[in-house]
Structures are given as structure tokens and as C-alpha cells.
Amino acid sequence: MKVIAVNGSPRKGGNTDNMLKHALDHMEKAGWETEFVQLGGRNIRGCMACGKCWENKDFKCIVNNDIFNEIMEKMLEADAIILGSPTYFSDVSAELKALLDRSGMVALANDRAFAGKIGTAVVAVRRGGGIHVFDTINHMYLMSQMIVPGATYWNLGRGLDKGEVLDDPEGLDNMKTMAETIDWLGRAMKPHQGTFPKNNDFFG
């Protein structure tokens, strides 16, 4: 089984980065194939609402001069997707919002390609606003018929300066629990892969 973690923070080695890698370490020990993708700070544009993904149905966005299609391909291959973001004015980073909008739309256009996958959100926060970031990520998961596992608390880690989240034992412990839950859920779902019911009547 494969899990991909996408870092929506442009700050490499920052708190979001640390939390995602902490979770991936536990996933790797459990036998999962893991991949970390740096999104924040790279070239990705927002959705143009052109509808071409609904016409082409090729699992791609027609915009091919940024990194979206590269990351979308990795998301489609994964059994579990972990999207992480810092808290910017109580919401996700601009890069992660672009990925959410475009990946969600392309997946819907292609027979709900994310349906039945596991999706979790990871949020780095200094003080407040993190719950809204958590919700923004989960909204795409839930609309895509993905399975969103719980943990011991919201998947939040507190910190401002680089590495400060490593001094948040509750946040790190939650990453471990989250990873264990994904592992358990993935193994439970594996025998039923490909049998997930889909409702494709998106536009009514």
C-alpha cells in the first residue's frame, strides 16, 4: 500500500514538513510505501473552471505548464493521501487551495477517482485558526467520497519557528495515532478495493 504526503507550506523544514515526515516515518515502519511531495513555494495555479477535465476525462487538467498533473498522478496512485498546510489567515496556503480545487474537480470528472481512498489533513498552527484549515482540506475529501479517519485529537501541531512543533508532544503523538489508524483502515479496506459504491450524478 502507498501513502503520499503533500506539504502545502513553502517553508521547507518547517513545522508542517516535520509533522508530515513524522507521520510518514510511522507509516514506513508499518510497511507502507511512502512519498513526500513538496508543493508550497512551487508553481501551481488555481482552477480556471473551464470544464475541460469533464470533456477530456483523461485524469489530467488541461493546464500543463505547472506541477499539478505531476502531483495528481501521484495522488491517483496512492491508497492514502495526507495533505498538510500551515495556517494562513485561518485557512490553507494558496498552493494547497489550488491543489484541492483542481484535484477534486479532475477526480470528480473521472468517475470519482478519489472515492474509497483514505484522506487525512495535517495542520501547523501558531495559536488559532487551525480548525478552519483542517475543515478546508476535509471538505474536498468528503465531497470526493473519501474515507476520513479520526485520531486522538485534531491533527494539529503548534509552532511558529522552524522545528518548534517538535516540542509539541501531543501533536507528535497524534501524528503517530493518525498513522496507525490509516494503517489499520488501509488493511481493513484492501480486500474490498474496487468495490466502493460511487454516485456520479454530480450536477444533479
Protein backbone atom coordinates (compact mmCIF):
# COMPACT_ATOMS: atom_id res chain seq x y z
CA MET A 1 0.00 0.00 0.00
CA LYS A 2 1.15 3.52 -0.75
CA VAL A 3 0.69 6.81 1.10
CA ILE A 4 1.58 10.24 -0.24
CA ALA A 5 2.09 13.31 1.95
CA VAL A 6 1.92 16.72 0.29
CA ASN A 7 3.45 19.70 2.06
CA GLY A 8 1.48 22.87 1.29
CA SER A 9 3.93 25.05 3.22
CA PRO A 10 6.56 26.94 1.23
CA ARG A 11 8.89 26.69 4.23
CA LYS A 12 11.00 23.57 3.79
CA GLY A 13 11.99 22.05 7.11
CA GLY A 14 9.16 23.95 8.81
CA ASN A 15 6.51 22.68 11.18
CA THR A 16 4.15 21.25 8.53
CA ASP A 17 7.12 19.49 6.95
CA ASN A 18 8.15 17.99 10.30
CA MET A 19 4.67 16.74 11.15
CA LEU A 20 4.15 15.07 7.77
CA LYS A 21 7.53 13.35 7.89
CA HIS A 22 6.85 12.20 11.46
CA ALA A 23 3.65 10.53 10.25
CA LEU A 24 5.39 9.01 7.22
CA ASP A 25 8.10 7.51 9.45
CA HIS A 26 5.41 5.55 11.30
CA MET A 27 3.73 4.55 8.04
CA GLU A 28 7.02 3.27 6.64
CA LYS A 29 7.66 1.21 9.77
CA ALA A 30 4.20 -0.32 9.28
CA GLY A 31 5.25 -1.48 5.81
CA TRP A 32 3.72 1.22 3.61
CA GLU A 33 5.42 2.69 0.58
CA THR A 34 5.72 6.40 1.39
CA GLU A 35 6.32 9.50 -0.68
CA PHE A 36 6.78 13.11 0.42
CA VAL A 37 5.94 15.85 -2.09
CA GLN A 38 6.91 19.50 -1.66
CA LEU A 39 4.11 21.69 -3.04
CA GLY A 40 4.41 25.00 -1.20
CA GLY A 41 6.58 27.52 -3.00
CA ARG A 42 6.29 25.76 -6.36
CA ASN A 43 4.39 26.83 -9.47
CA ILE A 44 0.70 25.86 -9.35
CA ARG A 45 -2.23 27.98 -10.49
CA GLY A 46 -5.84 27.91 -9.40
CA CYS A 47 -8.73 26.22 -11.20
CA MET A 48 -9.98 28.14 -14.28
CA ALA A 49 -13.44 26.48 -14.20
CA CYS A 50 -13.02 25.73 -17.91
CA GLY A 51 -14.68 22.30 -17.68
CA LYS A 52 -12.12 20.64 -19.96
CA CYS A 53 -11.48 17.88 -17.44
CA TRP A 54 -15.15 16.88 -17.84
CA GLU A 55 -14.73 16.78 -21.61
CA ASN A 56 -11.38 15.01 -21.81
CA LYS A 57 -11.78 12.60 -18.87
CA ASP A 58 -8.08 11.75 -19.01
CA PHE A 59 -7.34 12.20 -15.29
CA LYS A 60 -5.49 15.44 -16.07
CA CYS A 61 -6.02 19.18 -16.00
CA ILE A 62 -5.69 20.87 -19.38
CA VAL A 63 -3.22 23.33 -17.82
CA ASN A 64 0.08 21.52 -18.23
CA ASN A 65 2.67 24.21 -17.57
CA ASP A 66 2.78 23.80 -13.80
CA ILE A 67 3.27 20.90 -11.37
CA PHE A 68 -0.39 19.95 -10.90
CA ASN A 69 -0.59 16.94 -13.23
CA GLU A 70 2.62 15.51 -11.77
CA ILE A 71 1.17 15.60 -8.26
CA MET A 72 -2.29 14.47 -9.40
CA GLU A 73 -0.77 11.31 -10.88
CA LYS A 74 0.84 10.51 -7.54
CA MET A 75 -2.44 11.12 -5.69
CA LEU A 76 -4.27 8.75 -8.03
CA GLU A 77 -1.69 6.03 -7.43
CA ALA A 78 -1.85 6.31 -3.63
CA ASP A 79 -4.14 4.37 -1.30
CA ALA A 80 -3.93 7.16 1.28
CA ILE A 81 -3.40 10.91 0.85
CA ILE A 82 -2.16 13.23 3.61
CA LEU A 83 -2.38 16.93 2.81
CA GLY A 84 -0.62 19.34 5.14
CA SER A 85 -0.79 23.10 5.44
CA PRO A 86 0.31 25.93 7.70
CA THR A 87 -2.39 28.28 8.96
CA TYR A 88 -2.55 31.41 6.81
CA PHE A 89 -5.24 33.81 7.99
CA SER A 90 -7.23 30.82 9.30
CA ASP A 91 -7.02 28.87 6.04
CA VAL A 92 -4.75 26.75 3.84
CA SER A 93 -1.85 28.09 1.81
CA ALA A 94 -2.63 29.36 -1.68
CA GLU A 95 -0.74 26.45 -3.26
CA LEU A 96 -2.70 23.85 -1.33
CA LYS A 97 -6.02 25.54 -2.15
CA ALA A 98 -5.14 25.32 -5.84
CA LEU A 99 -4.36 21.61 -5.45
CA LEU A 100 -7.60 20.97 -3.56
CA ASP A 101 -9.76 22.69 -6.17
CA ARG A 102 -8.11 21.16 -9.22
CA SER A 103 -7.55 17.64 -7.89
CA GLY A 104 -11.08 17.46 -6.52
CA MET A 105 -12.57 18.58 -9.83
CA VAL A 106 -10.43 16.30 -12.00
CA ALA A 107 -11.24 13.34 -9.72
CA LEU A 108 -14.98 14.06 -9.90
CA ALA A 109 -14.79 14.36 -13.70
CA ASN A 110 -13.15 10.94 -13.94
CA ASP A 111 -15.71 8.65 -12.28
CA ARG A 112 -14.94 9.98 -8.79
CA ALA A 113 -11.37 8.72 -8.93
CA PHE A 114 -10.68 9.51 -5.25
CA ALA A 115 -13.70 7.55 -3.96
CA GLY A 116 -12.68 4.94 -1.42
CA LYS A 117 -9.21 6.39 -0.83
CA ILE A 118 -8.14 7.39 2.68
CA GLY A 119 -7.64 11.13 3.24
CA THR A 120 -6.26 12.95 6.26
CA ALA A 121 -5.42 16.58 6.97
CA VAL A 122 -2.41 17.85 8.92
CA VAL A 123 -2.20 21.45 10.13
CA ALA A 124 0.58 23.54 11.67
CA VAL A 125 -0.73 26.46 13.71
CA ARG A 126 0.84 29.11 15.92
CA ARG A 127 -2.22 29.72 18.09
CA GLY A 128 -5.70 29.89 16.48
CA GLY A 129 -7.44 29.30 13.15
CA GLY A 130 -6.18 25.77 12.60
CA ILE A 131 -9.60 24.10 12.76
CA HIS A 132 -10.74 26.01 9.67
CA VAL A 133 -7.65 24.80 7.78
CA PHE A 134 -8.48 21.25 8.88
CA ASP A 135 -12.05 21.68 7.61
CA THR A 136 -11.00 23.13 4.25
CA ILE A 137 -8.92 20.05 3.46
CA ASN A 138 -11.55 17.63 4.72
CA HIS A 139 -14.28 19.27 2.62
CA MET A 140 -12.59 18.05 -0.57
CA TYR A 141 -12.12 14.58 0.90
CA LEU A 142 -15.74 14.23 1.98
CA MET A 143 -17.18 15.56 -1.29
CA SER A 144 -14.97 13.04 -3.13
CA GLN A 145 -16.37 10.06 -1.16
CA MET A 146 -13.04 9.51 0.52
CA ILE A 147 -12.70 7.89 3.96
CA VAL A 148 -11.50 10.30 6.65
CA PRO A 149 -10.16 8.51 9.75
CA GLY A 150 -10.07 10.08 13.18
CA ALA A 151 -7.27 10.19 15.71
CA THR A 152 -6.96 11.19 19.37
CA TYR A 153 -7.41 14.90 18.61
CA TRP A 154 -7.49 17.27 15.63
CA ASN A 155 -4.37 16.72 13.54
CA LEU A 156 -2.79 19.97 14.70
CA GLY A 157 0.75 20.78 15.77
CA ARG A 158 1.65 24.03 17.48
CA GLY A 159 4.68 26.04 16.50
CA LEU A 160 5.92 29.22 14.82
CA ASP A 161 9.66 28.94 14.29
CA LYS A 162 11.11 26.06 12.29
CA GLY A 163 11.14 22.84 14.31
CA GLU A 164 9.10 24.28 17.17
CA VAL A 165 6.41 21.65 16.58
CA LEU A 166 8.93 19.02 17.67
CA ASP A 167 8.42 20.39 21.19
CA ASP A 168 4.67 19.65 20.99
CA PRO A 169 4.44 16.06 22.29
CA GLU A 170 0.65 15.92 21.96
CA GLY A 171 0.83 16.98 18.31
CA LEU A 172 3.52 14.41 17.51
CA ASP A 173 1.67 11.68 19.37
CA ASN A 174 -1.40 12.48 17.31
CA MET A 175 0.66 12.02 14.12
CA LYS A 176 1.60 8.56 15.38
CA THR A 177 -2.02 7.70 16.17
CA MET A 178 -3.15 9.07 12.82
CA ALA A 179 -0.58 6.89 11.03
CA GLU A 180 -1.67 3.82 13.00
CA THR A 181 -5.31 4.48 12.14
CA ILE A 182 -4.52 4.89 8.44
CA ASP A 183 -2.57 1.63 8.55
CA TRP A 184 -5.41 -0.27 10.25
CA LEU A 185 -8.02 1.21 7.92
CA GLY A 186 -5.96 0.56 4.80
CA ARG A 187 -5.50 -3.11 5.70
CA ALA A 188 -9.19 -3.48 6.52
CA MET A 189 -10.22 -1.92 3.21
CA LYS A 190 -7.70 -3.69 0.96
CA PRO A 191 -9.79 -6.85 0.31
CA HIS A 192 -12.68 -4.65 -0.86
CA GLN A 193 -10.68 -2.37 -3.16
CA GLY A 194 -12.55 -1.60 -6.36
CA THR A 195 -15.99 -2.33 -4.91
CA PHE A 196 -16.65 1.12 -3.44
CA PRO A 197 -20.08 2.47 -4.49
CA LYS A 198 -19.93 5.75 -6.43
CA ASN A 199 -22.55 8.38 -7.11
CA ASN A 200 -21.53 10.09 -10.33
CA ASP A 201 -24.55 12.38 -10.65
CA PHE A 202 -22.52 15.42 -9.63
CA PHE A 203 -24.60 18.04 -11.43
CA GLY A 204 -27.99 16.54 -10.49
